mmCIF file of all heavy atoms, coordinates in Angstrom:
data_MODEL
# 
_entry.id   MODEL 
# 
loop_
_atom_site.group_PDB 
_atom_site.id 
_atom_site.type_symbol 
_atom_site.label_atom_id 
_atom_site.label_alt_id 
_atom_site.label_comp_id 
_atom_site.label_asym_id 
_atom_site.label_entity_id 
_atom_site.label_seq_id 
_atom_site.pdbx_PDB_ins_code 
_atom_site.Cartn_x 
_atom_site.Cartn_y 
_atom_site.Cartn_z 
_atom_site.occupancy 
_atom_site.B_iso_or_equiv 
_atom_site.pdbx_formal_charge 
_atom_site.auth_seq_id 
_atom_site.auth_comp_id 
_atom_site.auth_asym_id 
_atom_site.auth_atom_id 
_atom_site.pdbx_PDB_model_num 
ATOM 1   N N   . PRO A 1 1  ? -4.282  -1.704  8.680   1.00 0.00 ? 1  PRO A N   1 
ATOM 2   C CA  . PRO A 1 1  ? -5.415  -2.565  8.597   1.00 0.00 ? 1  PRO A CA  1 
ATOM 3   C C   . PRO A 1 1  ? -6.140  -2.285  7.352   1.00 0.00 ? 1  PRO A C   1 
ATOM 4   O O   . PRO A 1 1  ? -6.728  -3.236  6.698   1.00 0.00 ? 1  PRO A O   1 
ATOM 5   C CB  . PRO A 1 1  ? -6.262  -2.399  9.936   1.00 0.00 ? 1  PRO A CB  1 
ATOM 6   C CG  . PRO A 1 1  ? -5.154  -2.007  10.910  1.00 0.00 ? 1  PRO A CG  1 
ATOM 7   C CD  . PRO A 1 1  ? -4.159  -1.100  10.058  1.00 0.00 ? 1  PRO A CD  1 
ATOM 8   N N   . VAL A 1 2  ? -6.462  -1.076  6.891   1.00 0.00 ? 2  VAL A N   1 
ATOM 9   C CA  . VAL A 1 2  ? -7.171  -0.753  5.720   1.00 0.00 ? 2  VAL A CA  1 
ATOM 10  C C   . VAL A 1 2  ? -6.250  -1.084  4.528   1.00 0.00 ? 2  VAL A C   1 
ATOM 11  O O   . VAL A 1 2  ? -6.775  -1.590  3.478   1.00 0.00 ? 2  VAL A O   1 
ATOM 12  C CB  . VAL A 1 2  ? -7.506  0.856   5.748   1.00 0.00 ? 2  VAL A CB  1 
ATOM 13  C CG1 . VAL A 1 2  ? -8.182  1.235   4.430   1.00 0.00 ? 2  VAL A CG1 1 
ATOM 14  C CG2 . VAL A 1 2  ? -8.423  1.064   6.840   1.00 0.00 ? 2  VAL A CG2 1 
ATOM 15  N N   . VAL A 1 3  ? -4.944  -0.740  4.571   1.00 0.00 ? 3  VAL A N   1 
ATOM 16  C CA  . VAL A 1 3  ? -3.998  -1.134  3.518   1.00 0.00 ? 3  VAL A CA  1 
ATOM 17  C C   . VAL A 1 3  ? -4.209  -2.584  3.117   1.00 0.00 ? 3  VAL A C   1 
ATOM 18  O O   . VAL A 1 3  ? -4.132  -3.077  1.986   1.00 0.00 ? 3  VAL A O   1 
ATOM 19  C CB  . VAL A 1 3  ? -2.444  -0.784  3.852   1.00 0.00 ? 3  VAL A CB  1 
ATOM 20  C CG1 . VAL A 1 3  ? -1.622  -1.308  2.832   1.00 0.00 ? 3  VAL A CG1 1 
ATOM 21  C CG2 . VAL A 1 3  ? -2.505  0.706   3.983   1.00 0.00 ? 3  VAL A CG2 1 
ATOM 22  N N   . GLN A 1 4  ? -4.298  -3.403  4.236   1.00 0.00 ? 4  GLN A N   1 
ATOM 23  C CA  . GLN A 1 4  ? -4.269  -4.865  4.059   1.00 0.00 ? 4  GLN A CA  1 
ATOM 24  C C   . GLN A 1 4  ? -5.361  -5.388  3.204   1.00 0.00 ? 4  GLN A C   1 
ATOM 25  O O   . GLN A 1 4  ? -5.134  -6.314  2.310   1.00 0.00 ? 4  GLN A O   1 
ATOM 26  C CB  . GLN A 1 4  ? -4.262  -5.570  5.420   1.00 0.00 ? 4  GLN A CB  1 
ATOM 27  C CG  . GLN A 1 4  ? -3.998  -7.067  5.334   1.00 0.00 ? 4  GLN A CG  1 
ATOM 28  C CD  . GLN A 1 4  ? -2.691  -7.431  4.854   1.00 0.00 ? 4  GLN A CD  1 
ATOM 29  O OE1 . GLN A 1 4  ? -1.666  -6.952  5.393   1.00 0.00 ? 4  GLN A OE1 1 
ATOM 30  N NE2 . GLN A 1 4  ? -2.571  -8.265  3.784   1.00 0.00 ? 4  GLN A NE2 1 
ATOM 31  N N   . LYS A 1 5  ? -6.411  -4.655  3.166   1.00 0.00 ? 5  LYS A N   1 
ATOM 32  C CA  . LYS A 1 5  ? -7.583  -5.014  2.249   1.00 0.00 ? 5  LYS A CA  1 
ATOM 33  C C   . LYS A 1 5  ? -7.174  -4.965  0.831   1.00 0.00 ? 5  LYS A C   1 
ATOM 34  O O   . LYS A 1 5  ? -7.595  -5.766  -0.100  1.00 0.00 ? 5  LYS A O   1 
ATOM 35  C CB  . LYS A 1 5  ? -8.780  -4.207  2.572   1.00 0.00 ? 5  LYS A CB  1 
ATOM 36  C CG  . LYS A 1 5  ? -9.384  -4.480  3.937   1.00 0.00 ? 5  LYS A CG  1 
ATOM 37  C CD  . LYS A 1 5  ? -10.481 -3.385  4.139   1.00 0.00 ? 5  LYS A CD  1 
ATOM 38  C CE  . LYS A 1 5  ? -10.920 -3.394  5.724   1.00 0.00 ? 5  LYS A CE  1 
ATOM 39  N NZ  . LYS A 1 5  ? -11.871 -2.404  5.925   1.00 0.00 ? 5  LYS A NZ  1 
ATOM 40  N N   . ALA A 1 6  ? -6.416  -3.906  0.516   1.00 0.00 ? 6  ALA A N   1 
ATOM 41  C CA  . ALA A 1 6  ? -6.023  -3.686  -0.932  1.00 0.00 ? 6  ALA A CA  1 
ATOM 42  C C   . ALA A 1 6  ? -4.913  -4.818  -1.295  1.00 0.00 ? 6  ALA A C   1 
ATOM 43  O O   . ALA A 1 6  ? -4.833  -5.412  -2.316  1.00 0.00 ? 6  ALA A O   1 
ATOM 44  C CB  . ALA A 1 6  ? -5.430  -2.341  -1.160  1.00 0.00 ? 6  ALA A CB  1 
ATOM 45  N N   . VAL A 1 7  ? -3.906  -4.989  -0.314  1.00 0.00 ? 7  VAL A N   1 
ATOM 46  C CA  . VAL A 1 7  ? -2.805  -5.997  -0.523  1.00 0.00 ? 7  VAL A CA  1 
ATOM 47  C C   . VAL A 1 7  ? -3.506  -7.295  -0.848  1.00 0.00 ? 7  VAL A C   1 
ATOM 48  O O   . VAL A 1 7  ? -3.020  -8.092  -1.666  1.00 0.00 ? 7  VAL A O   1 
ATOM 49  C CB  . VAL A 1 7  ? -1.988  -5.943  0.638   1.00 0.00 ? 7  VAL A CB  1 
ATOM 50  C CG1 . VAL A 1 7  ? -0.990  -7.177  0.635   1.00 0.00 ? 7  VAL A CG1 1 
ATOM 51  C CG2 . VAL A 1 7  ? -1.092  -4.639  0.682   1.00 0.00 ? 7  VAL A CG2 1 
ATOM 52  N N   . ASP A 1 8  ? -4.493  -7.664  -0.099  1.00 0.00 ? 8  ASP A N   1 
ATOM 53  C CA  . ASP A 1 8  ? -5.129  -9.036  -0.184  1.00 0.00 ? 8  ASP A CA  1 
ATOM 54  C C   . ASP A 1 8  ? -5.669  -9.194  -1.661  1.00 0.00 ? 8  ASP A C   1 
ATOM 55  O O   . ASP A 1 8  ? -5.487  -10.251 -2.256  1.00 0.00 ? 8  ASP A O   1 
ATOM 56  C CB  . ASP A 1 8  ? -6.200  -9.239  0.787   1.00 0.00 ? 8  ASP A CB  1 
ATOM 57  C CG  . ASP A 1 8  ? -5.799  -9.418  2.259   1.00 0.00 ? 8  ASP A CG  1 
ATOM 58  O OD1 . ASP A 1 8  ? -4.511  -9.639  2.481   1.00 0.00 ? 8  ASP A OD1 1 
ATOM 59  O OD2 . ASP A 1 8  ? -6.532  -9.175  3.113   1.00 0.00 ? 8  ASP A OD2 1 
ATOM 60  N N   . VAL A 1 9  ? -6.242  -8.216  -2.152  1.00 0.00 ? 9  VAL A N   1 
ATOM 61  C CA  . VAL A 1 9  ? -6.808  -8.296  -3.507  1.00 0.00 ? 9  VAL A CA  1 
ATOM 62  C C   . VAL A 1 9  ? -5.743  -8.498  -4.565  1.00 0.00 ? 9  VAL A C   1 
ATOM 63  O O   . VAL A 1 9  ? -5.692  -9.204  -5.568  1.00 0.00 ? 9  VAL A O   1 
ATOM 64  C CB  . VAL A 1 9  ? -7.694  -6.940  -3.809  1.00 0.00 ? 9  VAL A CB  1 
ATOM 65  C CG1 . VAL A 1 9  ? -8.001  -6.961  -5.366  1.00 0.00 ? 9  VAL A CG1 1 
ATOM 66  C CG2 . VAL A 1 9  ? -8.929  -7.064  -2.883  1.00 0.00 ? 9  VAL A CG2 1 
ATOM 67  N N   . LEU A 1 10 ? -4.663  -7.597  -4.428  1.00 0.00 ? 10 LEU A N   1 
ATOM 68  C CA  . LEU A 1 10 ? -3.564  -7.575  -5.350  1.00 0.00 ? 10 LEU A CA  1 
ATOM 69  C C   . LEU A 1 10 ? -2.824  -8.903  -5.339  1.00 0.00 ? 10 LEU A C   1 
ATOM 70  O O   . LEU A 1 10 ? -2.398  -9.499  -6.290  1.00 0.00 ? 10 LEU A O   1 
ATOM 71  C CB  . LEU A 1 10 ? -2.574  -6.399  -5.114  1.00 0.00 ? 10 LEU A CB  1 
ATOM 72  C CG  . LEU A 1 10 ? -3.336  -4.978  -5.335  1.00 0.00 ? 10 LEU A CG  1 
ATOM 73  C CD1 . LEU A 1 10 ? -2.194  -3.971  -5.018  1.00 0.00 ? 10 LEU A CD1 1 
ATOM 74  C CD2 . LEU A 1 10 ? -3.894  -4.884  -6.644  1.00 0.00 ? 10 LEU A CD2 1 
ATOM 75  N N   . LYS A 1 11 ? -2.795  -9.584  -4.116  1.00 0.00 ? 11 LYS A N   1 
ATOM 76  C CA  . LYS A 1 11 ? -2.096  -10.807 -4.006  1.00 0.00 ? 11 LYS A CA  1 
ATOM 77  C C   . LYS A 1 11 ? -2.894  -11.838 -4.692  1.00 0.00 ? 11 LYS A C   1 
ATOM 78  O O   . LYS A 1 11 ? -2.376  -12.769 -5.382  1.00 0.00 ? 11 LYS A O   1 
ATOM 79  C CB  . LYS A 1 11 ? -1.815  -11.115 -2.550  1.00 0.00 ? 11 LYS A CB  1 
ATOM 80  C CG  . LYS A 1 11 ? -0.542  -10.519 -1.869  1.00 0.00 ? 11 LYS A CG  1 
ATOM 81  C CD  . LYS A 1 11 ? -0.452  -10.952 -0.496  1.00 0.00 ? 11 LYS A CD  1 
ATOM 82  C CE  . LYS A 1 11 ? 0.827   -10.330 0.089   1.00 0.00 ? 11 LYS A CE  1 
ATOM 83  N NZ  . LYS A 1 11 ? 1.005   -10.820 1.527   1.00 0.00 ? 11 LYS A NZ  1 
ATOM 84  N N   . ALA A 1 12 ? -4.203  -11.841 -4.577  1.00 0.00 ? 12 ALA A N   1 
ATOM 85  C CA  . ALA A 1 12 ? -5.130  -12.845 -5.170  1.00 0.00 ? 12 ALA A CA  1 
ATOM 86  C C   . ALA A 1 12 ? -5.031  -12.808 -6.692  1.00 0.00 ? 12 ALA A C   1 
ATOM 87  O O   . ALA A 1 12 ? -5.247  -13.815 -7.330  1.00 0.00 ? 12 ALA A O   1 
ATOM 88  C CB  . ALA A 1 12 ? -6.526  -12.520 -4.775  1.00 0.00 ? 12 ALA A CB  1 
ATOM 89  N N   . PHE A 1 13 ? -4.676  -11.670 -7.287  1.00 0.00 ? 13 PHE A N   1 
ATOM 90  C CA  . PHE A 1 13 ? -4.557  -11.412 -8.672  1.00 0.00 ? 13 PHE A CA  1 
ATOM 91  C C   . PHE A 1 13 ? -2.998  -11.565 -9.072  1.00 0.00 ? 13 PHE A C   1 
ATOM 92  O O   . PHE A 1 13 ? -2.727  -11.462 -10.336 1.00 0.00 ? 13 PHE A O   1 
ATOM 93  C CB  . PHE A 1 13 ? -5.083  -10.203 -9.182  1.00 0.00 ? 13 PHE A CB  1 
ATOM 94  C CG  . PHE A 1 13 ? -6.544  -10.215 -9.279  1.00 0.00 ? 13 PHE A CG  1 
ATOM 95  C CD1 . PHE A 1 13 ? -7.395  -9.997  -8.172  1.00 0.00 ? 13 PHE A CD1 1 
ATOM 96  C CD2 . PHE A 1 13 ? -7.190  -10.489 -10.517 1.00 0.00 ? 13 PHE A CD2 1 
ATOM 97  C CE1 . PHE A 1 13 ? -8.795  -10.009 -8.330  1.00 0.00 ? 13 PHE A CE1 1 
ATOM 98  C CE2 . PHE A 1 13 ? -8.575  -10.529 -10.648 1.00 0.00 ? 13 PHE A CE2 1 
ATOM 99  C CZ  . PHE A 1 13 ? -9.482  -10.230 -9.493  1.00 0.00 ? 13 PHE A CZ  1 
ATOM 100 N N   . ASP A 1 14 ? -2.179  -11.785 -8.111  1.00 0.00 ? 14 ASP A N   1 
ATOM 101 C CA  . ASP A 1 14 ? -0.699  -11.974 -8.390  1.00 0.00 ? 14 ASP A CA  1 
ATOM 102 C C   . ASP A 1 14 ? -0.157  -10.818 -9.198  1.00 0.00 ? 14 ASP A C   1 
ATOM 103 O O   . ASP A 1 14 ? 0.548   -10.955 -10.148 1.00 0.00 ? 14 ASP A O   1 
ATOM 104 C CB  . ASP A 1 14 ? -0.473  -13.284 -9.213  1.00 0.00 ? 14 ASP A CB  1 
ATOM 105 C CG  . ASP A 1 14 ? 0.950   -13.801 -9.147  1.00 0.00 ? 14 ASP A CG  1 
ATOM 106 O OD1 . ASP A 1 14 ? 1.592   -13.447 -8.207  1.00 0.00 ? 14 ASP A OD1 1 
ATOM 107 O OD2 . ASP A 1 14 ? 1.444   -14.360 -10.090 1.00 0.00 ? 14 ASP A OD2 1 
ATOM 108 N N   . VAL A 1 15 ? -0.475  -9.582  -8.667  1.00 0.00 ? 15 VAL A N   1 
ATOM 109 C CA  . VAL A 1 15 ? 0.027   -8.423  -9.275  1.00 0.00 ? 15 VAL A CA  1 
ATOM 110 C C   . VAL A 1 15 ? 1.059   -7.796  -8.473  1.00 0.00 ? 15 VAL A C   1 
ATOM 111 O O   . VAL A 1 15 ? 0.887   -7.680  -7.135  1.00 0.00 ? 15 VAL A O   1 
ATOM 112 C CB  . VAL A 1 15 ? -1.157  -7.490  -9.543  1.00 0.00 ? 15 VAL A CB  1 
ATOM 113 C CG1 . VAL A 1 15 ? -0.656  -6.028  -9.909  1.00 0.00 ? 15 VAL A CG1 1 
ATOM 114 C CG2 . VAL A 1 15 ? -2.066  -7.930  -10.541 1.00 0.00 ? 15 VAL A CG2 1 
ATOM 115 N N   . ASN A 1 16 ? 2.255   -7.369  -8.990  1.00 0.00 ? 16 ASN A N   1 
ATOM 116 C CA  . ASN A 1 16 ? 3.261   -6.926  -8.225  1.00 0.00 ? 16 ASN A CA  1 
ATOM 117 C C   . ASN A 1 16 ? 2.774   -5.504  -7.662  1.00 0.00 ? 16 ASN A C   1 
ATOM 118 O O   . ASN A 1 16 ? 2.144   -4.690  -8.345  1.00 0.00 ? 16 ASN A O   1 
ATOM 119 C CB  . ASN A 1 16 ? 4.509   -6.551  -9.238  1.00 0.00 ? 16 ASN A CB  1 
ATOM 120 C CG  . ASN A 1 16 ? 5.290   -7.813  -9.582  1.00 0.00 ? 16 ASN A CG  1 
ATOM 121 O OD1 . ASN A 1 16 ? 5.171   -8.820  -8.890  1.00 0.00 ? 16 ASN A OD1 1 
ATOM 122 N ND2 . ASN A 1 16 ? 5.977   -7.790  -10.722 1.00 0.00 ? 16 ASN A ND2 1 
ATOM 123 N N   . HIS A 1 17 ? 3.212   -5.234  -6.426  1.00 0.00 ? 17 HIS A N   1 
ATOM 124 C CA  . HIS A 1 17 ? 2.830   -4.059  -5.713  1.00 0.00 ? 17 HIS A CA  1 
ATOM 125 C C   . HIS A 1 17 ? 3.916   -3.856  -4.622  1.00 0.00 ? 17 HIS A C   1 
ATOM 126 O O   . HIS A 1 17 ? 4.631   -4.627  -4.234  1.00 0.00 ? 17 HIS A O   1 
ATOM 127 C CB  . HIS A 1 17 ? 1.544   -4.269  -5.169  1.00 0.00 ? 17 HIS A CB  1 
ATOM 128 C CG  . HIS A 1 17 ? 1.337   -5.352  -4.103  1.00 0.00 ? 17 HIS A CG  1 
ATOM 129 N ND1 . HIS A 1 17 ? 1.219   -6.525  -4.553  1.00 0.00 ? 17 HIS A ND1 1 
ATOM 130 C CD2 . HIS A 1 17 ? 1.480   -5.368  -2.792  1.00 0.00 ? 17 HIS A CD2 1 
ATOM 131 C CE1 . HIS A 1 17 ? 1.200   -7.373  -3.386  1.00 0.00 ? 17 HIS A CE1 1 
ATOM 132 N NE2 . HIS A 1 17 ? 1.272   -6.728  -2.393  1.00 0.00 ? 17 HIS A NE2 1 
ATOM 133 N N   . GLU A 1 18 ? 3.885   -2.570  -4.281  1.00 0.00 ? 18 GLU A N   1 
ATOM 134 C CA  . GLU A 1 18 ? 4.763   -2.097  -3.102  1.00 0.00 ? 18 GLU A CA  1 
ATOM 135 C C   . GLU A 1 18 ? 3.916   -1.250  -2.178  1.00 0.00 ? 18 GLU A C   1 
ATOM 136 O O   . GLU A 1 18 ? 2.960   -0.625  -2.576  1.00 0.00 ? 18 GLU A O   1 
ATOM 137 C CB  . GLU A 1 18 ? 5.887   -1.192  -3.625  1.00 0.00 ? 18 GLU A CB  1 
ATOM 138 C CG  . GLU A 1 18 ? 6.969   -2.054  -4.430  1.00 0.00 ? 18 GLU A CG  1 
ATOM 139 C CD  . GLU A 1 18 ? 8.132   -1.129  -4.848  1.00 0.00 ? 18 GLU A CD  1 
ATOM 140 O OE1 . GLU A 1 18 ? 8.250   0.026   -4.293  1.00 0.00 ? 18 GLU A OE1 1 
ATOM 141 O OE2 . GLU A 1 18 ? 8.806   -1.522  -5.705  1.00 0.00 ? 18 GLU A OE2 1 
ATOM 142 N N   . VAL A 1 19 ? 4.224   -1.406  -0.937  1.00 0.00 ? 19 VAL A N   1 
ATOM 143 C CA  . VAL A 1 19 ? 3.522   -0.550  0.211   1.00 0.00 ? 19 VAL A CA  1 
ATOM 144 C C   . VAL A 1 19 ? 4.472   0.275   0.841   1.00 0.00 ? 19 VAL A C   1 
ATOM 145 O O   . VAL A 1 19 ? 5.655   -0.244  1.250   1.00 0.00 ? 19 VAL A O   1 
ATOM 146 C CB  . VAL A 1 19 ? 2.886   -1.605  1.172   1.00 0.00 ? 19 VAL A CB  1 
ATOM 147 C CG1 . VAL A 1 19 ? 2.118   -0.713  2.211   1.00 0.00 ? 19 VAL A CG1 1 
ATOM 148 C CG2 . VAL A 1 19 ? 1.821   -2.578  0.540   1.00 0.00 ? 19 VAL A CG2 1 
ATOM 149 N N   . HIS A 1 20 ? 4.139   1.563   0.941   1.00 0.00 ? 20 HIS A N   1 
ATOM 150 C CA  . HIS A 1 20 ? 5.117   2.455   1.635   1.00 0.00 ? 20 HIS A CA  1 
ATOM 151 C C   . HIS A 1 20 ? 4.324   3.409   2.536   1.00 0.00 ? 20 HIS A C   1 
ATOM 152 O O   . HIS A 1 20 ? 3.200   3.698   2.356   1.00 0.00 ? 20 HIS A O   1 
ATOM 153 C CB  . HIS A 1 20 ? 5.787   3.368   0.618   1.00 0.00 ? 20 HIS A CB  1 
ATOM 154 C CG  . HIS A 1 20 ? 6.741   2.722   -0.314  1.00 0.00 ? 20 HIS A CG  1 
ATOM 155 N ND1 . HIS A 1 20 ? 8.007   2.504   -0.127  1.00 0.00 ? 20 HIS A ND1 1 
ATOM 156 C CD2 . HIS A 1 20 ? 6.327   2.160   -1.623  1.00 0.00 ? 20 HIS A CD2 1 
ATOM 157 C CE1 . HIS A 1 20 ? 8.477   1.755   -1.120  1.00 0.00 ? 20 HIS A CE1 1 
ATOM 158 N NE2 . HIS A 1 20 ? 7.466   1.552   -2.046  1.00 0.00 ? 20 HIS A NE2 1 
ATOM 159 N N   . ILE A 1 21 ? 4.876   3.823   3.722   1.00 0.00 ? 21 ILE A N   1 
ATOM 160 C CA  . ILE A 1 21 ? 4.317   4.700   4.555   1.00 0.00 ? 21 ILE A CA  1 
ATOM 161 C C   . ILE A 1 21 ? 5.024   6.155   4.241   1.00 0.00 ? 21 ILE A C   1 
ATOM 162 O O   . ILE A 1 21 ? 6.343   6.183   4.485   1.00 0.00 ? 21 ILE A O   1 
ATOM 163 C CB  . ILE A 1 21 ? 4.652   4.489   6.142   1.00 0.00 ? 21 ILE A CB  1 
ATOM 164 C CG1 . ILE A 1 21 ? 3.878   3.167   6.377   1.00 0.00 ? 21 ILE A CG1 1 
ATOM 165 C CG2 . ILE A 1 21 ? 4.094   5.632   6.920   1.00 0.00 ? 21 ILE A CG2 1 
ATOM 166 C CD1 . ILE A 1 21 ? 4.124   2.590   7.788   1.00 0.00 ? 21 ILE A CD1 1 
ATOM 167 N N   . ILE A 1 22 ? 4.274   7.032   3.720   1.00 0.00 ? 22 ILE A N   1 
ATOM 168 C CA  . ILE A 1 22 ? 4.639   8.393   3.292   1.00 0.00 ? 22 ILE A CA  1 
ATOM 169 C C   . ILE A 1 22 ? 3.614   9.369   3.587   1.00 0.00 ? 22 ILE A C   1 
ATOM 170 O O   . ILE A 1 22 ? 2.490   9.242   3.192   1.00 0.00 ? 22 ILE A O   1 
ATOM 171 C CB  . ILE A 1 22 ? 4.931   8.411   1.705   1.00 0.00 ? 22 ILE A CB  1 
ATOM 172 C CG1 . ILE A 1 22 ? 5.938   7.345   1.223   1.00 0.00 ? 22 ILE A CG1 1 
ATOM 173 C CG2 . ILE A 1 22 ? 5.489   9.821   1.267   1.00 0.00 ? 22 ILE A CG2 1 
ATOM 174 C CD1 . ILE A 1 22 ? 6.039   7.168   -0.240  1.00 0.00 ? 22 ILE A CD1 1 
ATOM 175 N N   . SER A 1 23 ? 3.937   10.362  4.424   1.00 0.00 ? 23 SER A N   1 
ATOM 176 C CA  . SER A 1 23 ? 3.048   11.357  4.944   1.00 0.00 ? 23 SER A CA  1 
ATOM 177 C C   . SER A 1 23 ? 3.197   12.570  4.100   1.00 0.00 ? 23 SER A C   1 
ATOM 178 O O   . SER A 1 23 ? 4.220   13.163  3.806   1.00 0.00 ? 23 SER A O   1 
ATOM 179 C CB  . SER A 1 23 ? 3.318   11.614  6.456   1.00 0.00 ? 23 SER A CB  1 
ATOM 180 O OG  . SER A 1 23 ? 2.564   12.685  6.769   1.00 0.00 ? 23 SER A OG  1 
ATOM 181 N N   . ALA A 1 24 ? 1.981   13.126  3.628   1.00 0.00 ? 24 ALA A N   1 
ATOM 182 C CA  . ALA A 1 24 ? 2.039   14.295  2.896   1.00 0.00 ? 24 ALA A CA  1 
ATOM 183 C C   . ALA A 1 24 ? 2.390   15.475  3.786   1.00 0.00 ? 24 ALA A C   1 
ATOM 184 O O   . ALA A 1 24 ? 2.905   16.412  3.251   1.00 0.00 ? 24 ALA A O   1 
ATOM 185 C CB  . ALA A 1 24 ? 0.551   14.626  2.455   1.00 0.00 ? 24 ALA A CB  1 
ATOM 186 N N   . HIS A 1 25 ? 2.228   15.394  5.067   1.00 0.00 ? 25 HIS A N   1 
ATOM 187 C CA  . HIS A 1 25 ? 2.534   16.427  5.961   1.00 0.00 ? 25 HIS A CA  1 
ATOM 188 C C   . HIS A 1 25 ? 3.816   16.386  6.738   1.00 0.00 ? 25 HIS A C   1 
ATOM 189 O O   . HIS A 1 25 ? 4.547   17.290  6.879   1.00 0.00 ? 25 HIS A O   1 
ATOM 190 C CB  . HIS A 1 25 ? 1.411   16.695  7.099   1.00 0.00 ? 25 HIS A CB  1 
ATOM 191 C CG  . HIS A 1 25 ? 0.099   16.898  6.288   1.00 0.00 ? 25 HIS A CG  1 
ATOM 192 N ND1 . HIS A 1 25 ? -0.892  16.002  6.412   1.00 0.00 ? 25 HIS A ND1 1 
ATOM 193 C CD2 . HIS A 1 25 ? -0.389  17.989  5.589   1.00 0.00 ? 25 HIS A CD2 1 
ATOM 194 C CE1 . HIS A 1 25 ? -1.974  16.456  5.726   1.00 0.00 ? 25 HIS A CE1 1 
ATOM 195 N NE2 . HIS A 1 25 ? -1.678  17.562  5.248   1.00 0.00 ? 25 HIS A NE2 1 
ATOM 196 N N   . ARG A 1 26 ? 4.197   15.060  7.166   1.00 0.00 ? 26 ARG A N   1 
ATOM 197 C CA  . ARG A 1 26 ? 5.381   14.890  7.967   1.00 0.00 ? 26 ARG A CA  1 
ATOM 198 C C   . ARG A 1 26 ? 6.608   14.409  7.032   1.00 0.00 ? 26 ARG A C   1 
ATOM 199 O O   . ARG A 1 26 ? 7.650   14.729  7.533   1.00 0.00 ? 26 ARG A O   1 
ATOM 200 C CB  . ARG A 1 26 ? 5.100   13.786  9.053   1.00 0.00 ? 26 ARG A CB  1 
ATOM 201 C CG  . ARG A 1 26 ? 4.084   14.214  9.948   1.00 0.00 ? 26 ARG A CG  1 
ATOM 202 C CD  . ARG A 1 26 ? 3.763   13.073  10.976  1.00 0.00 ? 26 ARG A CD  1 
ATOM 203 N NE  . ARG A 1 26 ? 3.081   12.018  10.306  1.00 0.00 ? 26 ARG A NE  1 
ATOM 204 C CZ  . ARG A 1 26 ? 1.716   11.695  10.486  1.00 0.00 ? 26 ARG A CZ  1 
ATOM 205 N NH1 . ARG A 1 26 ? 1.073   12.322  11.367  1.00 0.00 ? 26 ARG A NH1 1 
ATOM 206 N NH2 . ARG A 1 26 ? 1.238   10.638  9.862   1.00 0.00 ? 26 ARG A NH2 1 
ATOM 207 N N   . THR A 1 27 ? 6.297   14.021  5.811   1.00 0.00 ? 27 THR A N   1 
ATOM 208 C CA  . THR A 1 27 ? 7.363   13.667  4.959   1.00 0.00 ? 27 THR A CA  1 
ATOM 209 C C   . THR A 1 27 ? 7.170   14.182  3.541   1.00 0.00 ? 27 THR A C   1 
ATOM 210 O O   . THR A 1 27 ? 7.085   13.471  2.528   1.00 0.00 ? 27 THR A O   1 
ATOM 211 C CB  . THR A 1 27 ? 7.773   12.178  4.934   1.00 0.00 ? 27 THR A CB  1 
ATOM 212 O OG1 . THR A 1 27 ? 6.580   11.552  4.470   1.00 0.00 ? 27 THR A OG1 1 
ATOM 213 C CG2 . THR A 1 27 ? 8.157   11.571  6.279   1.00 0.00 ? 27 THR A CG2 1 
ATOM 214 N N   . PRO A 1 28 ? 6.968   15.519  3.384   1.00 0.00 ? 28 PRO A N   1 
ATOM 215 C CA  . PRO A 1 28 ? 6.563   16.150  2.130   1.00 0.00 ? 28 PRO A CA  1 
ATOM 216 C C   . PRO A 1 28 ? 7.501   15.792  0.994   1.00 0.00 ? 28 PRO A C   1 
ATOM 217 O O   . PRO A 1 28 ? 7.144   15.617  -0.161  1.00 0.00 ? 28 PRO A O   1 
ATOM 218 C CB  . PRO A 1 28 ? 6.311   17.628  2.490   1.00 0.00 ? 28 PRO A CB  1 
ATOM 219 C CG  . PRO A 1 28 ? 7.101   17.881  3.659   1.00 0.00 ? 28 PRO A CG  1 
ATOM 220 C CD  . PRO A 1 28 ? 7.059   16.551  4.476   1.00 0.00 ? 28 PRO A CD  1 
ATOM 221 N N   . GLU A 1 29 ? 8.875   15.895  1.308   1.00 0.00 ? 29 GLU A N   1 
ATOM 222 C CA  . GLU A 1 29 ? 9.841   15.682  0.356   1.00 0.00 ? 29 GLU A CA  1 
ATOM 223 C C   . GLU A 1 29 ? 9.784   14.257  -0.215  1.00 0.00 ? 29 GLU A C   1 
ATOM 224 O O   . GLU A 1 29 ? 9.963   14.033  -1.533  1.00 0.00 ? 29 GLU A O   1 
ATOM 225 C CB  . GLU A 1 29 ? 11.281  16.130  0.834   1.00 0.00 ? 29 GLU A CB  1 
ATOM 226 C CG  . GLU A 1 29 ? 11.561  17.583  0.799   1.00 0.00 ? 29 GLU A CG  1 
ATOM 227 C CD  . GLU A 1 29 ? 11.388  18.140  -0.548  1.00 0.00 ? 29 GLU A CD  1 
ATOM 228 O OE1 . GLU A 1 29 ? 11.994  17.651  -1.640  1.00 0.00 ? 29 GLU A OE1 1 
ATOM 229 O OE2 . GLU A 1 29 ? 10.748  19.148  -0.686  1.00 0.00 ? 29 GLU A OE2 1 
# 
């Protein structure tokens, strides 16, 4: 839900972006 706030802005400016779930602790590699 917090991520969505950033996505909404980037979509409004038509800027390419990607969203990923990556954990510093659970997926460090």
